[in-house]
Amino acid sequence: MKQLRSLTELLQYAQEVGPLTISVACAEDAEVLEAVEEARKKGIAKAFLVGDADKIRSVASGLGVDLTPYDVVDEKGGEAAASLRAVELVSSGQADILMKGMVKTANFLRGVLNKEKGLRSGSLLSHVYIHEVENYDRIFFIADPAFNMYPDLGAKVGIIDNTVQLAHAFGVECPKVAALGAVEVVNADMPPTLDAANLTQMNRRGQIKGCLVDGPLALDNAVSEESARHKGIVSDVAGHADILLVPNIEAGNMLAKAIIYFARNKTAGLVLGAKAPVVLTSRADSSETKLLSIASAVALAAFQKKKKRG
């Protein structure tokens, strides 16, 4: 497949490989239901709506959404029970993607991590923001801005592996990973620069596969050829990064939100590393972000299915 260079192209691609099936935990959420309905209309996804059926019908009625095309799964046992029921639909193969609705994140993730019915894969769970930013010729993947607070070297390897698979699903054959720091030189007093240098070497020796890693790189020389050239940095990643590996949750969260609020952009977000893609959006996210997150999950699920078939 050709590389997807915008989230508009992503929507078109999701229509080509869809519809896949979403399982929505606690689906009595107007914004989530709106996004799921839009995805259904575009031919991207079908859905199981799990939760209090009376509340789901009430919310749908208020939105003018006809529930006839959906499978409504009545579960009145509370958030934890509805989350586990939604997870089970994915782990049993009836659905391809899990999505969070009107449920606390902790209860939702308990279902994901349930030892018997959950979606544990043995990989680290990590979060990624996917950004289309005006005037750039590619999509950026920021990892991890939400899940792993202060990842050590091993966790950063797991975050890279998860995000590289997503980039492959977007048609990026050899994603360029910039291991970010405040500076582009190794400094013994700045641990993120040491991790970045180690990750670069691990990639060169084949311990991190499917991508090209370089670091430490400051943000400016990771995304700007001119900045990299000005500082005399010779690197295939500098100025061309696809994946921005942040040193900790504060840096990632601030970078992602700066893009969302200060730039002309389109954004999606996913949880990676489970047996299936997980759409976990914030109530503050726009309906467009929720729809694009669903489309991202469809692209990843289709890629994983194709990979399994060989």
Protein backbone atom coordinates (compact mmCIF):
# COMPACT_ATOMS: atom_id res chain seq x y z
CA MET A 1 0.00 0.00 0.00
CA LYS A 2 1.10 3.58 -0.51
CA GLN A 3 2.08 5.70 2.48
CA LEU A 4 -0.81 7.60 4.04
CA ARG A 5 0.35 11.20 4.29
CA SER A 6 -2.77 12.78 5.77
CA LEU A 7 -5.67 11.78 7.98
CA THR A 8 -8.00 12.53 5.07
CA GLU A 9 -6.18 9.76 3.15
CA LEU A 10 -6.56 7.59 6.26
CA LEU A 11 -10.35 7.96 6.15
CA GLN A 12 -10.40 6.94 2.50
CA TYR A 13 -8.18 3.93 3.23
CA ALA A 14 -10.37 2.86 6.18
CA GLN A 15 -13.35 2.88 3.83
CA GLU A 16 -11.44 0.57 1.46
CA VAL A 17 -10.49 -2.00 4.14
CA GLY A 18 -13.64 -1.65 6.27
CA PRO A 19 -16.09 -2.12 7.65
CA LEU A 20 -14.61 -3.79 10.72
CA THR A 21 -16.49 -4.29 13.98
CA ILE A 22 -16.10 -2.15 17.10
CA SER A 23 -17.15 -3.16 20.60
CA VAL A 24 -18.05 -0.03 22.56
CA ALA A 25 -17.90 -0.27 26.36
CA CYS A 26 -20.62 1.78 28.10
CA ALA A 27 -21.99 3.10 24.83
CA GLU A 28 -24.45 5.50 26.49
CA ASP A 29 -22.20 8.41 25.48
CA ALA A 30 -23.55 10.93 22.97
CA GLU A 31 -20.20 11.97 21.49
CA VAL A 32 -18.93 8.42 21.09
CA LEU A 33 -22.25 7.26 19.61
CA GLU A 34 -22.12 10.16 17.17
CA ALA A 35 -18.61 9.16 16.02
CA VAL A 36 -19.59 5.49 15.70
CA GLU A 37 -22.64 6.45 13.64
CA GLU A 38 -20.48 8.59 11.34
CA ALA A 39 -18.05 5.67 10.95
CA ARG A 40 -20.96 3.37 10.08
CA LYS A 41 -22.33 5.80 7.49
CA LYS A 42 -18.90 6.05 5.86
CA GLY A 43 -18.60 2.25 5.69
CA ILE A 44 -15.65 2.19 8.08
CA ALA A 45 -17.15 0.26 10.97
CA LYS A 46 -20.06 -1.68 12.45
CA ALA A 47 -20.56 -1.88 16.20
CA PHE A 48 -21.69 -3.71 19.29
CA LEU A 49 -23.05 -1.14 21.75
CA VAL A 50 -22.52 -2.55 25.23
CA GLY A 51 -24.09 -1.00 28.34
CA ASP A 52 -27.45 -0.07 29.79
CA ALA A 53 -29.71 -0.63 26.78
CA ASP A 54 -32.35 1.83 28.03
CA LYS A 55 -29.77 4.61 28.38
CA ILE A 56 -28.23 3.76 25.00
CA ARG A 57 -31.64 3.99 23.33
CA SER A 58 -32.36 7.29 25.10
CA VAL A 59 -29.05 8.82 23.97
CA ALA A 60 -29.55 7.52 20.42
CA SER A 61 -33.07 8.96 20.31
CA GLY A 62 -31.75 12.37 21.36
CA LEU A 63 -29.22 12.25 18.52
CA GLY A 64 -31.70 10.94 15.98
CA VAL A 65 -29.61 7.77 15.54
CA ASP A 66 -31.46 4.66 14.36
CA LEU A 67 -30.15 1.66 16.31
CA THR A 68 -31.46 -0.91 13.83
CA PRO A 69 -28.02 -1.50 12.21
CA TYR A 70 -26.38 -2.06 15.62
CA ASP A 71 -26.12 -4.96 18.05
CA VAL A 72 -27.14 -3.51 21.42
CA VAL A 73 -25.83 -5.68 24.27
CA ASP A 74 -27.72 -4.95 27.49
CA GLU A 75 -25.44 -4.94 30.54
CA LYS A 76 -26.77 -3.15 33.61
CA GLY A 77 -24.12 -4.44 36.03
CA GLY A 78 -22.13 -1.21 36.03
CA GLU A 79 -19.01 0.07 34.31
CA ALA A 80 -16.73 -2.83 35.18
CA ALA A 81 -19.23 -5.45 33.99
CA ALA A 82 -19.98 -3.57 30.75
CA SER A 83 -16.27 -3.05 30.07
CA LEU A 84 -15.50 -6.74 30.55
CA ARG A 85 -18.45 -7.72 28.33
CA ALA A 86 -17.19 -5.39 25.59
CA VAL A 87 -13.66 -6.77 25.94
CA GLU A 88 -14.95 -10.34 25.73
CA LEU A 89 -16.59 -9.60 22.37
CA VAL A 90 -13.14 -8.67 21.05
CA SER A 91 -11.17 -11.49 22.70
CA SER A 92 -13.72 -14.03 21.38
CA GLY A 93 -13.26 -12.73 17.82
CA GLN A 94 -16.75 -11.27 17.41
CA ALA A 95 -15.34 -7.73 17.22
CA ASP A 96 -12.04 -6.38 15.90
CA ILE A 97 -11.62 -3.17 17.91
CA LEU A 98 -12.39 -2.05 21.46
CA MET A 99 -13.61 1.48 22.20
CA LYS A 100 -14.14 3.34 25.47
CA GLY A 101 -17.49 5.02 26.03
CA MET A 102 -18.97 6.56 29.20
CA VAL A 103 -16.68 4.71 31.60
CA LYS A 104 -13.80 5.63 33.89
CA THR A 105 -10.47 4.77 32.33
CA ALA A 106 -9.42 2.62 35.31
CA ASN A 107 -12.54 0.41 35.02
CA PHE A 108 -12.12 0.19 31.26
CA LEU A 109 -8.48 -0.90 31.50
CA ARG A 110 -9.28 -3.48 34.16
CA GLY A 111 -11.34 -5.22 31.50
CA VAL A 112 -8.54 -4.94 28.95
CA LEU A 113 -6.07 -6.48 31.41
CA ASN A 114 -8.39 -9.20 32.75
CA LYS A 115 -6.35 -12.42 32.93
CA GLU A 116 -9.10 -14.72 31.61
CA LYS A 117 -11.06 -12.64 29.10
CA GLY A 118 -8.84 -9.63 28.50
CA LEU A 119 -6.63 -8.51 25.65
CA ARG A 120 -3.18 -9.03 27.14
CA SER A 121 -0.64 -9.85 24.45
CA GLY A 122 2.58 -9.92 26.45
CA SER A 123 3.57 -6.56 24.96
CA LEU A 124 3.74 -3.26 26.79
CA LEU A 125 0.58 -1.15 26.52
CA SER A 126 1.35 2.31 25.17
CA HIS A 127 -0.50 5.30 23.80
CA VAL A 128 0.09 7.21 20.58
CA TYR A 129 -1.22 10.46 19.20
CA ILE A 130 -1.39 10.63 15.41
CA HIS A 131 -1.15 14.15 13.99
CA GLU A 132 -1.63 15.72 10.60
CA VAL A 133 -0.09 19.20 10.86
CA GLU A 134 -0.55 21.87 8.20
CA ASN A 135 2.51 22.47 5.98
CA TYR A 136 4.10 19.08 6.73
CA ASP A 137 4.18 16.36 4.09
CA ARG A 138 3.61 13.44 6.45
CA ILE A 139 1.76 12.22 9.53
CA PHE A 140 3.52 12.41 12.91
CA PHE A 141 3.20 9.73 15.59
CA ILE A 142 3.89 10.94 19.15
CA ALA A 143 4.62 8.21 21.69
CA ASP A 144 3.96 7.87 24.59
CA PRO A 145 2.02 10.97 25.71
CA ALA A 146 -0.51 9.32 28.03
CA PHE A 147 0.27 5.87 29.46
CA ASN A 148 3.88 5.27 30.46
CA MET A 149 4.93 8.05 32.81
CA TYR A 150 8.71 7.65 33.05
CA PRO A 151 9.62 4.76 30.73
CA ASP A 152 12.99 3.12 31.21
CA LEU A 153 15.08 1.84 28.30
CA GLY A 154 13.16 -1.45 28.04
CA ALA A 155 9.80 0.33 28.06
CA LYS A 156 10.98 2.71 25.34
CA VAL A 157 11.87 -0.30 23.17
CA GLY A 158 8.30 -1.57 23.69
CA ILE A 159 6.84 1.84 22.83
CA ILE A 160 8.90 1.98 19.63
CA ASP A 161 7.85 -1.55 18.62
CA ASN A 162 4.15 -0.73 19.12
CA THR A 163 4.34 2.56 17.24
CA VAL A 164 6.41 1.17 14.38
CA GLN A 165 3.73 -1.48 13.74
CA LEU A 166 1.12 1.29 13.53
CA ALA A 167 3.32 3.28 11.15
CA HIS A 168 3.67 0.16 8.97
CA ALA A 169 -0.15 -0.06 8.94
CA PHE A 170 -0.15 3.49 7.58
CA GLY A 171 2.15 2.41 4.74
CA VAL A 172 5.40 3.81 6.17
CA GLU A 173 7.84 1.06 5.14
CA CYS A 174 10.76 2.11 7.34
CA PRO A 175 9.58 4.68 9.90
CA LYS A 176 12.17 7.18 11.05
CA VAL A 177 12.14 7.36 14.85
CA ALA A 178 13.56 10.44 16.59
CA ALA A 179 14.43 9.75 20.24
CA LEU A 180 13.82 13.23 21.60
CA GLY A 181 15.71 15.16 24.23
CA ALA A 182 16.22 18.80 25.12
CA VAL A 183 19.54 18.73 23.25
CA GLU A 184 21.02 16.73 20.37
CA VAL A 185 24.20 15.66 22.18
CA VAL A 186 24.71 12.95 24.80
CA ASN A 187 24.95 14.49 28.26
CA ALA A 188 25.63 12.24 31.26
CA ASP A 189 23.52 14.56 33.45
CA MET A 190 20.47 14.19 31.16
CA PRO A 191 19.23 10.57 31.30
CA PRO A 192 16.92 10.86 28.23
CA THR A 193 19.98 11.55 26.06
CA LEU A 194 21.65 8.37 27.34
CA ASP A 195 18.53 6.32 26.57
CA ALA A 196 18.35 7.88 23.11
CA ALA A 197 21.95 6.97 22.35
CA ASN A 198 21.38 3.39 23.55
CA LEU A 199 18.23 3.04 21.45
CA THR A 200 20.13 4.27 18.39
CA GLN A 201 22.84 1.66 18.94
CA MET A 202 20.30 -1.11 19.61
CA ASN A 203 18.63 -0.27 16.30
CA ARG A 204 21.96 -0.40 14.45
CA ARG A 205 22.64 -3.84 15.91
CA GLY A 206 19.23 -5.20 14.94
CA GLN A 207 17.70 -5.29 18.43
CA ILE A 208 15.00 -2.82 17.33
CA LYS A 209 13.68 -3.77 13.91
CA GLY A 210 11.52 -2.38 11.13
CA CYS A 211 12.58 1.24 11.54
CA LEU A 212 15.47 3.67 11.70
CA VAL A 213 16.22 5.19 15.12
CA ASP A 214 18.42 8.18 15.86
CA GLY A 215 18.93 10.30 18.93
CA PRO A 216 19.21 12.24 20.96
CA LEU A 217 17.56 14.81 18.72
CA ALA A 218 15.94 18.03 19.85
CA LEU A 219 12.46 18.57 18.43
CA ASP A 220 13.55 21.25 15.96
CA ASN A 221 16.19 19.09 14.30
CA ALA A 222 13.91 16.05 14.32
CA VAL A 223 11.29 17.75 12.12
CA SER A 224 13.17 20.54 10.33
CA GLU A 225 15.82 19.84 7.69
CA GLU A 226 16.94 23.46 7.90
CA SER A 227 17.49 23.25 11.66
CA ALA A 228 19.41 19.97 11.35
CA ARG A 229 21.57 21.42 8.57
CA HIS A 230 22.24 24.60 10.58
CA LYS A 231 23.48 22.51 13.52
CA GLY A 232 25.59 20.27 11.28
CA ILE A 233 23.67 17.09 12.12
CA VAL A 234 24.22 14.32 9.58
CA SER A 235 21.39 11.82 10.00
CA ASP A 236 18.77 10.08 7.89
CA VAL A 237 16.24 10.78 10.65
CA ALA A 238 16.96 14.46 11.38
CA GLY A 239 14.45 16.64 9.58
CA HIS A 240 12.48 13.60 8.41
CA ALA A 241 11.13 11.97 11.59
CA ASP A 242 7.85 10.06 11.41
CA ILE A 243 7.77 8.92 15.06
CA LEU A 244 8.62 11.31 17.88
CA LEU A 245 9.62 9.22 20.90
CA VAL A 246 9.24 11.48 23.93
CA PRO A 247 11.30 10.98 27.11
CA ASN A 248 8.37 11.07 29.55
CA ILE A 249 4.64 11.67 29.87
CA GLU A 250 4.97 15.41 30.61
CA ALA A 251 6.95 16.10 27.44
CA GLY A 252 4.62 13.96 25.32
CA ASN A 253 1.40 15.34 26.75
CA MET A 254 2.51 18.96 26.36
CA LEU A 255 3.82 18.39 22.82
CA ALA A 256 0.61 16.68 21.69
CA LYS A 257 -1.64 19.31 23.26
CA ALA A 258 0.48 22.15 21.87
CA ILE A 259 -0.11 20.71 18.39
CA ILE A 260 -3.84 20.29 19.05
CA TYR A 261 -4.38 23.83 20.38
CA PHE A 262 -1.68 25.92 18.67
CA ALA A 263 -1.52 24.45 15.15
CA ARG A 264 -3.88 23.74 12.29
CA ASN A 265 -4.13 20.00 12.69
CA LYS A 266 -6.15 16.82 12.65
CA THR A 267 -5.57 14.32 15.44
CA ALA A 268 -6.32 10.72 16.40
CA GLY A 269 -5.28 8.58 19.36
CA LEU A 270 -4.96 4.86 20.11
CA VAL A 271 -3.79 2.45 22.78
CA LEU A 272 -1.33 -0.07 21.32
CA GLY A 273 0.16 -3.34 22.49
CA ALA A 274 -3.08 -5.24 23.22
CA LYS A 275 -4.37 -8.15 21.12
CA ALA A 276 -6.55 -5.66 19.24
CA PRO A 277 -6.51 -1.88 18.72
CA VAL A 278 -8.09 0.12 21.55
CA VAL A 279 -9.76 3.49 20.94
CA LEU A 280 -9.50 5.52 24.13
CA THR A 281 -10.41 9.14 23.59
CA SER A 282 -10.95 12.04 25.99
CA ARG A 283 -14.31 13.75 26.50
CA ALA A 284 -12.51 16.94 25.40
CA ASP A 285 -11.70 15.39 22.00
CA SER A 286 -13.76 16.56 19.04
CA SER A 287 -16.10 14.24 17.17
CA GLU A 288 -13.64 14.44 14.25
CA THR A 289 -10.83 13.17 16.50
CA LYS A 290 -13.00 10.28 17.66
CA LEU A 291 -13.88 9.38 14.05
CA LEU A 292 -10.22 9.56 12.97
CA SER A 293 -9.27 7.40 15.97
CA ILE A 294 -11.77 4.77 14.81
CA ALA A 295 -10.33 4.98 11.28
CA SER A 296 -6.79 4.54 12.69
CA ALA A 297 -7.93 1.46 14.61
CA VAL A 298 -9.52 0.02 11.46
CA ALA A 299 -6.29 0.53 9.50
CA LEU A 300 -4.25 -1.17 12.24
CA ALA A 301 -6.71 -4.06 12.70
CA ALA A 302 -6.78 -4.68 8.93
CA PHE A 303 -2.96 -4.68 8.85
CA GLN A 304 -2.78 -7.14 11.76
CA LYS A 305 -5.33 -9.47 10.12
CA LYS A 306 -3.36 -9.41 6.86
CA LYS A 307 -0.13 -10.14 8.74
CA LYS A 308 -1.69 -13.14 10.50
CA ARG A 309 -2.87 -14.55 7.17
CA GLY A 310 0.71 -14.24 5.91
